[in-house]
Amino acid sequence: MSPVFRVLKRIVLWSYARSTWQYDVLCVLILAFVFLTPKGWFDDGKPPAFLGHQNLTNGAGKLLLSPENLGENPDAQEIERGARVATGRSGARVKAWRELRDAEGRVRAYEVDIE
C-alpha cells in the first residue's frame, strides 16, 4: 500500500487521534469550508414551495406563498386556494395580498393576510 493511499485512507476514515496536528488541520479545513464557501454554490435561485407562515394564532395572520405554485399572475381565487393548501384549512379567507419583488423586479413571493 502506497504512503499516499494510506494518508488518504486515514483522512477519509478520520482515524487521527484528537490531540494530533493532523486532527487540528482537518478541523480547520472543515471550518474554512463552512465559513468561506460562497452561498451561490448551494443556492439554485428558486424560493422554496412554501416559505412558511407567521403569527397564525386565532386563525388570522400572514402567510408567504411561492409564485411557482400559484402560476403566472394569479388572481384572488388562486391566492386563496394557495393559502388554503398551505395552511391546511379549508375555511381560510384572504383579506389582502401583496407581491414581494427582488432587486430585478421579479416576484419572489406573495405575502397574504388571512383570517
PDB file of N, CA and C in Angstrom:
ATOM      1  N   MET A   1       0.853  -1.174   0.000  1.00  0.00           N
ATOM      2  CA  MET A   1       0.000   0.000   0.000  1.00  0.00           C
ATOM      3  C   MET A   1       0.899   1.237   0.000  1.00  0.00           C
ATOM      4  N   SER A   2       0.637   2.158  -0.924  1.00  0.00           N
ATOM      5  CA  SER A   2       1.484   3.344  -1.037  1.00  0.00           C
ATOM      6  C   SER A   2       1.215   4.309   0.115  1.00  0.00           C
ATOM      7  N   PRO A   3       2.197   5.138   0.452  1.00  0.00           N
ATOM      8  CA  PRO A   3       2.026   6.089   1.554  1.00  0.00           C
ATOM      9  C   PRO A   3       0.920   7.114   1.281  1.00  0.00           C
ATOM     10  N   VAL A   4       0.771   7.514   0.026  1.00  0.00           N
ATOM     11  CA  VAL A   4      -0.267   8.493  -0.312  1.00  0.00           C
ATOM     12  C   VAL A   4      -1.643   7.887  -0.070  1.00  0.00           C
ATOM     13  N   PHE A   5      -1.828   6.653  -0.503  1.00  0.00           N
ATOM     14  CA  PHE A   5      -3.105   5.973  -0.306  1.00  0.00           C
ATOM     15  C   PHE A   5      -3.406   5.798   1.180  1.00  0.00           C
ATOM     16  N   ARG A   6      -2.357   5.487   1.954  1.00  0.00           N
ATOM     17  CA  ARG A   6      -2.521   5.298   3.395  1.00  0.00           C
ATOM     18  C   ARG A   6      -2.966   6.603   4.068  1.00  0.00           C
ATOM     19  N   VAL A   7      -2.371   7.724   3.668  1.00  0.00           N
ATOM     20  CA  VAL A   7      -2.751   9.021   4.237  1.00  0.00           C
ATOM     21  C   VAL A   7      -4.189   9.372   3.847  1.00  0.00           C
ATOM     22  N   LEU A   8      -4.553   9.168   2.581  1.00  0.00           N
ATOM     23  CA  LEU A   8      -5.919   9.443   2.137  1.00  0.00           C
ATOM     24  C   LEU A   8      -6.933   8.570   2.872  1.00  0.00           C
ATOM     25  N   LYS A   9      -6.566   7.331   3.097  1.00  0.00           N
ATOM     26  CA  LYS A   9      -7.453   6.422   3.822  1.00  0.00           C
ATOM     27  C   LYS A   9      -7.670   6.911   5.251  1.00  0.00           C
ATOM     28  N   ARG A  10      -6.602   7.371   5.899  1.00  0.00           N
ATOM     29  CA  ARG A  10      -6.732   7.867   7.280  1.00  0.00           C
ATOM     30  C   ARG A  10      -7.559   9.148   7.333  1.00  0.00           C
ATOM     31  N   ILE A  11      -7.442  10.003   6.302  1.00  0.00           N
ATOM     32  CA  ILE A  11      -8.239  11.234   6.269  1.00  0.00           C
ATOM     33  C   ILE A  11      -9.712  10.902   6.080  1.00  0.00           C
ATOM     34  N   VAL A  12     -10.008  10.041   5.106  1.00  0.00           N
ATOM     35  CA  VAL A  12     -11.404   9.697   4.819  1.00  0.00           C
ATOM     36  C   VAL A  12     -12.044   8.987   6.012  1.00  0.00           C
ATOM     37  N   LEU A  13     -11.331   8.095   6.632  1.00  0.00           N
ATOM     38  CA  LEU A  13     -11.882   7.358   7.769  1.00  0.00           C
ATOM     39  C   LEU A  13     -11.734   8.104   9.089  1.00  0.00           C
ATOM     40  N   TRP A  14     -11.096   9.268   9.074  1.00  0.00           N
ATOM     41  CA  TRP A  14     -10.917  10.130  10.250  1.00  0.00           C
ATOM     42  C   TRP A  14     -10.302   9.327  11.389  1.00  0.00           C
ATOM     43  N   SER A  15      -9.164   8.738  11.113  1.00  0.00           N
ATOM     44  CA  SER A  15      -8.543   7.857  12.103  1.00  0.00           C
ATOM     45  C   SER A  15      -7.420   8.527  12.896  1.00  0.00           C
ATOM     46  N   TYR A  16      -7.300   9.833  12.802  1.00  0.00           N
ATOM     47  CA  TYR A  16      -6.284  10.529  13.593  1.00  0.00           C
ATOM     48  C   TYR A  16      -6.812  10.782  15.000  1.00  0.00           C
ATOM     49  N   ALA A  17      -5.943  10.686  15.975  1.00  0.00           N
ATOM     50  CA  ALA A  17      -6.330  10.940  17.361  1.00  0.00           C
ATOM     51  C   ALA A  17      -6.591  12.435  17.564  1.00  0.00           C
ATOM     52  N   ARG A  18      -7.342  12.738  18.591  1.00  0.00           N
ATOM     53  CA  ARG A  18      -7.773  14.107  18.818  1.00  0.00           C
ATOM     54  C   ARG A  18      -6.627  15.066  19.138  1.00  0.00           C
ATOM     55  N   SER A  19      -5.593  14.618  19.717  1.00  0.00           N
ATOM     56  CA  SER A  19      -4.516  15.516  20.136  1.00  0.00           C
ATOM     57  C   SER A  19      -3.404  15.658  19.097  1.00  0.00           C
ATOM     58  N   THR A  20      -3.599  15.156  17.886  1.00  0.00           N
ATOM     59  CA  THR A  20      -2.555  15.243  16.862  1.00  0.00           C
ATOM     60  C   THR A  20      -2.735  16.489  16.000  1.00  0.00           C
ATOM     61  N   TRP A  21      -1.652  16.896  15.348  1.00  0.00           N
ATOM     62  CA  TRP A  21      -1.722  18.080  14.496  1.00  0.00           C
ATOM     63  C   TRP A  21      -2.551  17.795  13.243  1.00  0.00           C
ATOM     64  N   GLN A  22      -2.594  16.548  12.802  1.00  0.00           N
ATOM     65  CA  GLN A  22      -3.404  16.203  11.632  1.00  0.00           C
ATOM     66  C   GLN A  22      -4.891  16.415  11.918  1.00  0.00           C
ATOM     67  N   TYR A  23      -5.319  16.058  13.105  1.00  0.00           N
ATOM     68  CA  TYR A  23      -6.705  16.260  13.514  1.00  0.00           C
ATOM     69  C   TYR A  23      -7.037  17.750  13.498  1.00  0.00           C
ATOM     70  N   ASP A  24      -6.140  18.569  14.026  1.00  0.00           N
ATOM     71  CA  ASP A  24      -6.359  20.017  14.050  1.00  0.00           C
ATOM     72  C   ASP A  24      -6.441  20.587  12.634  1.00  0.00           C
ATOM     73  N   VAL A  25      -5.596  20.118  11.747  1.00  0.00           N
ATOM     74  CA  VAL A  25      -5.614  20.598  10.361  1.00  0.00           C
ATOM     75  C   VAL A  25      -6.934  20.229   9.692  1.00  0.00           C
ATOM     76  N   LEU A  26      -7.406  19.005   9.896  1.00  0.00           N
ATOM     77  CA  LEU A  26      -8.683  18.604   9.320  1.00  0.00           C
ATOM     78  C   LEU A  26      -9.841  19.459   9.845  1.00  0.00           C
ATOM     79  N   CYS A  27      -9.833  19.759  11.134  1.00  0.00           N
ATOM     80  CA  CYS A  27     -10.876  20.613  11.714  1.00  0.00           C
ATOM     81  C   CYS A  27     -10.831  22.018  11.126  1.00  0.00           C
ATOM     82  N   VAL A  28      -9.651  22.568  10.961  1.00  0.00           N
ATOM     83  CA  VAL A  28      -9.514  23.899  10.363  1.00  0.00           C
ATOM     84  C   VAL A  28     -10.002  23.889   8.919  1.00  0.00           C
ATOM     85  N   LEU A  29      -9.689  22.842   8.165  1.00  0.00           N
ATOM     86  CA  LEU A  29     -10.165  22.753   6.779  1.00  0.00           C
ATOM     87  C   LEU A  29     -11.686  22.680   6.709  1.00  0.00           C
ATOM     88  N   ILE A  30     -12.303  21.937   7.606  1.00  0.00           N
ATOM     89  CA  ILE A  30     -13.765  21.848   7.628  1.00  0.00           C
ATOM     90  C   ILE A  30     -14.376  23.201   7.983  1.00  0.00           C
ATOM     91  N   LEU A  31     -13.841  23.864   8.981  1.00  0.00           N
ATOM     92  CA  LEU A  31     -14.358  25.183   9.360  1.00  0.00           C
ATOM     93  C   LEU A  31     -14.169  26.203   8.234  1.00  0.00           C
ATOM     94  N   ALA A  32     -13.033  26.144   7.561  1.00  0.00           N
ATOM     95  CA  ALA A  32     -12.800  27.051   6.436  1.00  0.00           C
ATOM     96  C   ALA A  32     -13.823  26.805   5.332  1.00  0.00           C
ATOM     97  N   PHE A  33     -14.121  25.545   5.060  1.00  0.00           N
ATOM     98  CA  PHE A  33     -15.130  25.230   4.048  1.00  0.00           C
ATOM     99  C   PHE A  33     -16.497  25.769   4.452  1.00  0.00           C
ATOM    100  N   VAL A  34     -16.877  25.575   5.695  1.00  0.00           N
ATOM    101  CA  VAL A  34     -18.196  26.018   6.163  1.00  0.00           C
ATOM    102  C   VAL A  34     -18.327  27.538   6.076  1.00  0.00           C
ATOM    103  N   PHE A  35     -17.325  28.268   6.520  1.00  0.00           N
ATOM    104  CA  PHE A  35     -17.450  29.717   6.612  1.00  0.00           C
ATOM    105  C   PHE A  35     -17.016  30.471   5.356  1.00  0.00           C
ATOM    106  N   LEU A  36     -16.229  29.864   4.487  1.00  0.00           N
ATOM    107  CA  LEU A  36     -15.714  30.576   3.324  1.00  0.00           C
ATOM    108  C   LEU A  36     -16.355  30.162   2.003  1.00  0.00           C
ATOM    109  N   THR A  37     -17.215  29.156   2.020  1.00  0.00           N
ATOM    110  CA  THR A  37     -17.858  28.716   0.793  1.00  0.00           C
ATOM    111  C   THR A  37     -18.913  29.735   0.368  1.00  0.00           C
ATOM    112  N   PRO A  38     -18.897  30.194  -0.877  1.00  0.00           N
ATOM    113  CA  PRO A  38     -19.911  31.152  -1.341  1.00  0.00           C
ATOM    114  C   PRO A  38     -21.310  30.535  -1.325  1.00  0.00           C
ATOM    115  N   LYS A  39     -22.295  31.342  -0.963  1.00  0.00           N
ATOM    116  CA  LYS A  39     -23.673  30.875  -0.889  1.00  0.00           C
ATOM    117  C   LYS A  39     -24.155  30.395  -2.258  1.00  0.00           C
ATOM    118  N   GLY A  40     -23.686  31.011  -3.312  1.00  0.00           N
ATOM    119  CA  GLY A  40     -24.111  30.663  -4.653  1.00  0.00           C
ATOM    120  C   GLY A  40     -23.807  29.233  -5.053  1.00  0.00           C
ATOM    121  N   TRP A  41     -22.867  28.579  -4.389  1.00  0.00           N
ATOM    122  CA  TRP A  41     -22.566  27.193  -4.699  1.00  0.00           C
ATOM    123  C   TRP A  41     -23.719  26.265  -4.336  1.00  0.00           C
ATOM    124  N   PHE A  42     -24.535  26.661  -3.366  1.00  0.00           N
ATOM    125  CA  PHE A  42     -25.598  25.807  -2.871  1.00  0.00           C
ATOM    126  C   PHE A  42     -26.992  26.361  -3.147  1.00  0.00           C
ATOM    127  N   ASP A  43     -27.103  27.564  -3.659  1.00  0.00           N
ATOM    128  CA  ASP A  43     -28.393  28.206  -3.889  1.00  0.00           C
ATOM    129  C   ASP A  43     -28.732  28.111  -5.370  1.00  0.00           C
ATOM    130  N   ASP A  44     -29.873  27.500  -5.686  1.00  0.00           N
ATOM    131  CA  ASP A  44     -30.271  27.384  -7.083  1.00  0.00           C
ATOM    132  C   ASP A  44     -31.096  28.580  -7.546  1.00  0.00           C
ATOM    133  N   GLY A  45     -31.358  29.540  -6.657  1.00  0.00           N
ATOM    134  CA  GLY A  45     -32.083  30.749  -7.024  1.00  0.00           C
ATOM    135  C   GLY A  45     -33.593  30.627  -6.931  1.00  0.00           C
ATOM    136  N   LYS A  46     -34.102  29.447  -6.660  1.00  0.00           N
ATOM    137  CA  LYS A  46     -35.546  29.260  -6.562  1.00  0.00           C
ATOM    138  C   LYS A  46     -35.981  29.365  -5.112  1.00  0.00           C
ATOM    139  N   PRO A  47     -37.094  30.030  -4.867  1.00  0.00           N
ATOM    140  CA  PRO A  47     -37.609  30.040  -3.496  1.00  0.00           C
ATOM    141  C   PRO A  47     -38.249  28.687  -3.188  1.00  0.00           C
ATOM    142  N   PRO A  48     -38.318  28.316  -1.930  1.00  0.00           N
ATOM    143  CA  PRO A  48     -38.992  27.067  -1.599  1.00  0.00           C
ATOM    144  C   PRO A  48     -40.477  27.145  -1.927  1.00  0.00           C
ATOM    145  N   ALA A  49     -41.122  26.007  -2.096  1.00  0.00           N
ATOM    146  CA  ALA A  49     -42.529  25.971  -2.482  1.00  0.00           C
ATOM    147  C   ALA A  49     -43.406  26.682  -1.458  1.00  0.00           C
ATOM    148  N   PHE A  50     -43.163  26.476  -0.192  1.00  0.00           N
ATOM    149  CA  PHE A  50     -43.914  27.140   0.867  1.00  0.00           C
ATOM    150  C   PHE A  50     -42.895  27.781   1.785  1.00  0.00           C
ATOM    151  N   LEU A  51     -42.906  29.099   1.848  1.00  0.00           N
ATOM    152  CA  LEU A  51     -41.874  29.811   2.582  1.00  0.00           C
ATOM    153  C   LEU A  51     -42.117  29.838   4.079  1.00  0.00           C
ATOM    154  N   GLY A  52     -43.317  29.489   4.510  1.00  0.00           N
ATOM    155  CA  GLY A  52     -43.608  29.473   5.934  1.00  0.00           C
ATOM    156  C   GLY A  52     -44.704  30.453   6.285  1.00  0.00           C
ATOM    157  N   HIS A  53     -45.177  30.332   7.472  1.00  0.00           N
ATOM    158  CA  HIS A  53     -46.223  31.238   7.917  1.00  0.00           C
ATOM    159  C   HIS A  53     -45.810  31.870   9.225  1.00  0.00           C
ATOM    160  N   GLN A  54     -46.421  33.008   9.509  1.00  0.00           N
ATOM    161  CA  GLN A  54     -46.084  33.736  10.712  1.00  0.00           C
ATOM    162  C   GLN A  54     -47.363  34.100  11.439  1.00  0.00           C
ATOM    163  N   ASN A  55     -47.359  33.968  12.709  1.00  0.00           N
ATOM    164  CA  ASN A  55     -48.414  34.525  13.533  1.00  0.00           C
ATOM    165  C   ASN A  55     -49.799  34.033  13.117  1.00  0.00           C
ATOM    166  N   LEU A  56     -49.973  32.732  12.995  1.00  0.00           N
ATOM    167  CA  LEU A  56     -51.273  32.194  12.596  1.00  0.00           C
ATOM    168  C   LEU A  56     -52.092  31.750  13.804  1.00  0.00           C
ATOM    169  N   THR A  57     -52.038  32.500  14.874  1.00  0.00           N
ATOM    170  CA  THR A  57     -52.852  32.177  16.038  1.00  0.00           C
ATOM    171  C   THR A  57     -54.251  32.745  15.844  1.00  0.00           C
ATOM    172  N   ASN A  58     -55.215  32.093  16.397  1.00  0.00           N
ATOM    173  CA  ASN A  58     -56.625  32.502  16.296  1.00  0.00           C
ATOM    174  C   ASN A  58     -57.105  32.568  14.854  1.00  0.00           C
ATOM    175  N   GLY A  59     -56.463  31.834  13.954  1.00  0.00           N
ATOM    176  CA  GLY A  59     -56.937  31.764  12.580  1.00  0.00           C
ATOM    177  C   GLY A  59     -56.581  32.953  11.716  1.00  0.00           C
ATOM    178  N   ALA A  60     -55.867  33.940  12.214  1.00  0.00           N
ATOM    179  CA  ALA A  60     -55.520  35.117  11.417  1.00  0.00           C
ATOM    180  C   ALA A  60     -54.015  35.295  11.412  1.00  0.00           C
ATOM    181  N   GLY A  61     -53.513  35.906  10.367  1.00  0.00           N
ATOM    182  CA  GLY A  61     -52.090  36.175  10.313  1.00  0.00           C
ATOM    183  C   GLY A  61     -51.598  36.391   8.907  1.00  0.00           C
ATOM    184  N   LYS A  62     -50.282  36.286   8.754  1.00  0.00           N
ATOM    185  CA  LYS A  62     -49.639  36.491   7.458  1.00  0.00           C
ATOM    186  C   LYS A  62     -49.061  35.172   6.977  1.00  0.00           C
ATOM    187  N   LEU A  63     -49.010  35.050   5.673  1.00  0.00           N
ATOM    188  CA  LEU A  63     -48.539  33.832   5.045  1.00  0.00           C
ATOM    189  C   LEU A  63     -47.708  34.223   3.833  1.00  0.00           C
ATOM    190  N   LEU A  64     -46.592  33.525   3.596  1.00  0.00           N
ATOM    191  CA  LEU A  64     -45.777  33.761   2.404  1.00  0.00           C
ATOM    192  C   LEU A  64     -45.946  32.579   1.460  1.00  0.00           C
ATOM    193  N   LEU A  65     -46.350  32.860   0.232  1.00  0.00           N
ATOM    194  CA  LEU A  65     -46.550  31.818  -0.774  1.00  0.00           C
ATOM    195  C   LEU A  65     -45.585  32.015  -1.932  1.00  0.00           C
ATOM    196  N   SER A  66     -45.101  30.919  -2.481  1.00  0.00           N
ATOM    197  CA  SER A  66     -44.191  30.964  -3.616  1.00  0.00           C
ATOM    198  C   SER A  66     -44.963  31.186  -4.908  1.00  0.00           C
ATOM    199  N   PRO A  67     -44.465  32.023  -5.811  1.00  0.00           N
ATOM    200  CA  PRO A  67     -45.157  32.237  -7.085  1.00  0.00           C
ATOM    201  C   PRO A  67     -45.137  31.008  -7.989  1.00  0.00           C
ATOM    202  N   GLU A  68     -44.208  30.092  -7.773  1.00  0.00           N
ATOM    203  CA  GLU A  68     -44.132  28.895  -8.610  1.00  0.00           C
ATOM    204  C   GLU A  68     -45.360  28.002  -8.439  1.00  0.00           C
ATOM    205  N   ASN A  69     -45.968  28.008  -7.261  1.00  0.00           N
ATOM    206  CA  ASN A  69     -47.146  27.175  -7.019  1.00  0.00           C
ATOM    207  C   ASN A  69     -48.428  27.847  -7.468  1.00  0.00           C
ATOM    208  N   LEU A  70     -48.398  29.153  -7.653  1.00  0.00           N
ATOM    209  CA  LEU A  70     -49.616  29.885  -7.975  1.00  0.00           C
ATOM    210  C   LEU A  70     -49.757  30.172  -9.459  1.00  0.00           C
ATOM    211  N   GLY A  71     -48.716  30.014 -10.213  1.00  0.00           N
ATOM    212  CA  GLY A  71     -48.773  30.283 -11.645  1.00  0.00           C
ATOM    213  C   GLY A  71     -48.464  31.732 -11.963  1.00  0.00           C
ATOM    214  N   GLU A  72     -48.568  32.044 -13.238  1.00  0.00           N
ATOM    215  CA  GLU A  72     -48.263  33.383 -13.746  1.00  0.00           C
ATOM    216  C   GLU A  72     -49.428  34.327 -13.452  1.00  0.00           C
ATOM    217  N   ASN A  73     -49.187  35.453 -12.821  1.00  0.00           N
ATOM    218  CA  ASN A  73     -50.190  36.474 -12.499  1.00  0.00           C
ATOM    219  C   ASN A  73     -51.450  35.882 -11.865  1.00  0.00           C
ATOM    220  N   PRO A  74     -51.350  35.358 -10.647  1.00  0.00           N
ATOM    221  CA  PRO A  74     -52.513  34.738 -10.014  1.00  0.00           C
ATOM    222  C   PRO A  74     -53.567  35.774  -9.633  1.00  0.00           C
ATOM    223  N   ASP A  75     -54.824  35.363  -9.675  1.00  0.00           N
ATOM    224  CA  ASP A  75     -55.903  36.241  -9.241  1.00  0.00           C
ATOM    225  C   ASP A  75     -56.236  35.913  -7.788  1.00  0.00           C
ATOM    226  N   ALA A  76     -57.248  36.583  -7.249  1.00  0.00           N
ATOM    227  CA  ALA A  76     -57.606  36.432  -5.836  1.00  0.00           C
ATOM    228  C   ALA A  76     -58.013  34.996  -5.509  1.00  0.00           C
ATOM    229  N   GLN A  77     -58.698  34.323  -6.427  1.00  0.00           N
ATOM    230  CA  GLN A  77     -59.125  32.947  -6.158  1.00  0.00           C
ATOM    231  C   GLN A  77     -57.936  31.998  -6.087  1.00  0.00           C
ATOM    232  N   GLU A  78     -56.951  32.188  -6.960  1.00  0.00           N
ATOM    233  CA  GLU A  78     -55.759  31.329  -6.917  1.00  0.00           C
ATOM    234  C   GLU A  78     -54.953  31.567  -5.647  1.00  0.00           C
ATOM    235  N   ILE A  79     -54.861  32.825  -5.224  1.00  0.00           N
ATOM    236  CA  ILE A  79     -54.162  33.154  -3.977  1.00  0.00           C
ATOM    237  C   ILE A  79     -54.876  32.495  -2.803  1.00  0.00           C
ATOM    238  N   GLU A  80     -56.194  32.569  -2.787  1.00  0.00           N
ATOM    239  CA  GLU A  80     -56.960  31.971  -1.695  1.00  0.00           C
ATOM    240  C   GLU A  80     -56.808  30.449  -1.686  1.00  0.00           C
ATOM    241  N   ARG A  81     -56.825  29.831  -2.855  1.00  0.00           N
ATOM    242  CA  ARG A  81     -56.639  28.393  -2.935  1.00  0.00           C
ATOM    243  C   ARG A  81     -55.240  28.004  -2.426  1.00  0.00           C
ATOM    244  N   GLY A  82     -54.227  28.792  -2.801  1.00  0.00           N
ATOM    245  CA  GLY A  82     -52.871  28.528  -2.316  1.00  0.00           C
ATOM    246  C   GLY A  82     -52.761  28.681  -0.808  1.00  0.00           C
ATOM    247  N   ALA A  83     -53.467  29.668  -0.234  1.00  0.00           N
ATOM    248  CA  ALA A  83     -53.454  29.859   1.217  1.00  0.00           C
ATOM    249  C   ALA A  83     -54.127  28.688   1.921  1.00  0.00           C
ATOM    250  N   ARG A  84     -55.201  28.173   1.344  1.00  0.00           N
ATOM    251  CA  ARG A  84     -55.893  27.026   1.949  1.00  0.00           C
ATOM    252  C   ARG A  84     -55.014  25.779   1.918  1.00  0.00           C
ATOM    253  N   VAL A  85     -54.315  25.584   0.811  1.00  0.00           N
ATOM    254  CA  VAL A  85     -53.422  24.425   0.717  1.00  0.00           C
ATOM    255  C   VAL A  85     -52.267  24.558   1.706  1.00  0.00           C
ATOM    256  N   ALA A  86     -51.675  25.757   1.799  1.00  0.00           N
ATOM    257  CA  ALA A  86     -50.511  25.962   2.663  1.00  0.00           C
ATOM    258  C   ALA A  86     -50.865  25.819   4.134  1.00  0.00           C
ATOM    259  N   THR A  87     -52.049  26.296   4.543  1.00  0.00           N
ATOM    260  CA  THR A  87     -52.426  26.220   5.953  1.00  0.00           C
ATOM    261  C   THR A  87     -53.120  24.917   6.298  1.00  0.00           C
ATOM    262  N   GLY A  88     -53.661  24.236   5.292  1.00  0.00           N
ATOM    263  CA  GLY A  88     -54.396  23.010   5.558  1.00  0.00           C
ATOM    264  C   GLY A  88     -55.795  23.270   6.094  1.00  0.00           C
ATOM    265  N   ARG A  89     -56.260  24.506   5.982  1.00  0.00           N
ATOM    266  CA  ARG A  89     -57.595  24.864   6.475  1.00  0.00           C
ATOM    267  C   ARG A  89     -58.477  25.220   5.292  1.00  0.00           C
ATOM    268  N   SER A  90     -59.580  24.525   5.146  1.00  0.00           N
ATOM    269  CA  SER A  90     -60.472  24.784   4.012  1.00  0.00           C
ATOM    270  C   SER A  90     -61.251  26.086   4.183  1.00  0.00           C
ATOM    271  N   GLY A  91     -61.318  26.612   5.389  1.00  0.00           N
ATOM    272  CA  GLY A  91     -62.071  27.843   5.626  1.00  0.00           C
ATOM    273  C   GLY A  91     -61.214  29.097   5.656  1.00  0.00           C
ATOM    274  N   ALA A  92     -59.949  29.008   5.278  1.00  0.00           N
ATOM    275  CA  ALA A  92     -59.075  30.188   5.302  1.00  0.00           C
ATOM    276  C   ALA A  92     -59.540  31.200   4.254  1.00  0.00           C
ATOM    277  N   ARG A  93     -59.658  32.460   4.678  1.00  0.00           N
ATOM    278  CA  ARG A  93     -60.067  33.531   3.758  1.00  0.00           C
ATOM    279  C   ARG A  93     -58.959  34.567   3.662  1.00  0.00           C
ATOM    280  N   VAL A  94     -58.754  35.068   2.465  1.00  0.00           N
ATOM    281  CA  VAL A  94     -57.706  36.057   2.210  1.00  0.00           C
ATOM    282  C   VAL A  94     -58.300  37.452   2.373  1.00  0.00           C
ATOM    283  N   LYS A  95     -57.686  38.252   3.250  1.00  0.00           N
ATOM    284  CA  LYS A  95     -58.107  39.647   3.408  1.00  0.00           C
ATOM    285  C   LYS A  95     -57.410  40.529   2.380  1.00  0.00           C
ATOM    286  N   ALA A  96     -56.107  40.340   2.217  1.00  0.00           N
ATOM    287  CA  ALA A  96     -55.319  41.152   1.279  1.00  0.00           C
ATOM    288  C   ALA A  96     -54.054  40.371   0.930  1.00  0.00           C
ATOM    289  N   TRP A  97     -53.410  40.750  -0.182  1.00  0.00           N
ATOM    290  CA  TRP A  97     -52.155  40.126  -0.560  1.00  0.00           C
ATOM    291  C   TRP A  97     -51.301  41.124  -1.332  1.00  0.00           C
ATOM    292  N   ARG A  98     -49.983  40.953  -1.205  1.00  0.00           N
ATOM    293  CA  ARG A  98     -49.012  41.841  -1.827  1.00  0.00           C
ATOM    294  C   ARG A  98     -47.911  41.020  -2.479  1.00  0.00           C
ATOM    295  N   GLU A  99     -47.386  41.551  -3.574  1.00  0.00           N
ATOM    296  CA  GLU A  99     -46.241  40.917  -4.234  1.00  0.00           C
ATOM    297  C   GLU A  99     -44.955  41.390  -3.574  1.00  0.00           C
ATOM    298  N   LEU A 100     -44.064  40.479  -3.302  1.00  0.00           N
ATOM    299  CA  LEU A 100     -42.737  40.825  -2.793  1.00  0.00           C
ATOM    300  C   LEU A 100     -41.757  40.606  -3.937  1.00  0.00           C
ATOM    301  N   ARG A 101     -41.084  41.678  -4.357  1.00  0.00           N
ATOM    302  CA  ARG A 101     -40.196  41.621  -5.521  1.00  0.00           C
ATOM    303  C   ARG A 101     -38.741  41.744  -5.096  1.00  0.00           C
ATOM    304  N   ASP A 102     -37.854  41.176  -5.929  1.00  0.00           N
ATOM    305  CA  ASP A 102     -36.425  41.293  -5.670  1.00  0.00           C
ATOM    306  C   ASP A 102     -35.893  42.549  -6.358  1.00  0.00           C
ATOM    307  N   ALA A 103     -34.582  42.730  -6.325  1.00  0.00           N
ATOM    308  CA  ALA A 103     -33.961  43.935  -6.876  1.00  0.00           C
ATOM    309  C   ALA A 103     -34.152  44.049  -8.389  1.00  0.00           C
ATOM    310  N   GLU A 104     -34.325  42.931  -9.080  1.00  0.00           N
ATOM    311  CA  GLU A 104     -34.529  42.948 -10.529  1.00  0.00           C
ATOM    312  C   GLU A 104     -35.996  43.124 -10.908  1.00  0.00           C
ATOM    313  N   GLY A 105     -36.883  43.183  -9.931  1.00  0.00           N
ATOM    314  CA  GLY A 105     -38.298  43.380 -10.202  1.00  0.00           C
ATOM    315  C   GLY A 105     -39.097  42.102 -10.378  1.00  0.00           C
ATOM    316  N   ARG A 106     -38.473  40.949 -10.166  1.00  0.00           N
ATOM    317  CA  ARG A 106     -39.193  39.679 -10.286  1.00  0.00           C
ATOM    318  C   ARG A 106     -39.954  39.396  -8.995  1.00  0.00           C
ATOM    319  N   VAL A 107     -41.124  38.797  -9.124  1.00  0.00           N
ATOM    320  CA  VAL A 107     -41.920  38.416  -7.953  1.00  0.00           C
ATOM    321  C   VAL A 107     -41.257  37.215  -7.293  1.00  0.00           C
ATOM    322  N   ARG A 108     -40.875  37.356  -6.029  1.00  0.00           N
ATOM    323  CA  ARG A 108     -40.216  36.273  -5.293  1.00  0.00           C
ATOM    324  C   ARG A 108     -41.190  35.532  -4.385  1.00  0.00           C
ATOM    325  N   ALA A 109     -42.246  36.237  -3.922  1.00  0.00           N
ATOM    326  CA  ALA A 109     -43.226  35.619  -3.028  1.00  0.00           C
ATOM    327  C   ALA A 109     -44.445  36.515  -2.969  1.00  0.00           C
ATOM    328  N   TYR A 110     -45.515  35.965  -2.433  1.00  0.00           N
ATOM    329  CA  TYR A 110     -46.733  36.720  -2.172  1.00  0.00           C
ATOM    330  C   TYR A 110     -46.978  36.695  -0.682  1.00  0.00           C
ATOM    331  N   GLU A 111     -47.104  37.888  -0.093  1.00  0.00           N
ATOM    332  CA  GLU A 111     -47.429  37.996   1.328  1.00  0.00           C
ATOM    333  C   GLU A 111     -48.948  38.100   1.419  1.00  0.00           C
ATOM    334  N   VAL A 112     -49.558  37.160   2.123  1.00  0.00           N
ATOM    335  CA  VAL A 112     -51.011  37.040   2.163  1.00  0.00           C
ATOM    336  C   VAL A 112     -51.494  37.240   3.587  1.00  0.00           C
ATOM    337  N   ASP A 113     -52.460  38.141   3.777  1.00  0.00           N
ATOM    338  CA  ASP A 113     -53.114  38.313   5.083  1.00  0.00           C
ATOM    339  C   ASP A 113     -54.353  37.436   5.082  1.00  0.00           C
ATOM    340  N   ILE A 114     -54.418  36.507   6.057  1.00  0.00           N
ATOM    341  CA  ILE A 114     -55.561  35.608   6.103  1.00  0.00           C
ATOM    342  C   ILE A 114     -56.292  35.759   7.425  1.00  0.00           C
ATOM    343  N   GLU A 115     -57.539  35.315   7.405  1.00  0.00           N
ATOM    344  CA  GLU A 115     -58.327  35.316   8.634  1.00  0.00           C
ATOM    345  C   GLU A 115     -58.980  33.975   8.830  1.00  0.00           C
TER     346      GLU A 115
END
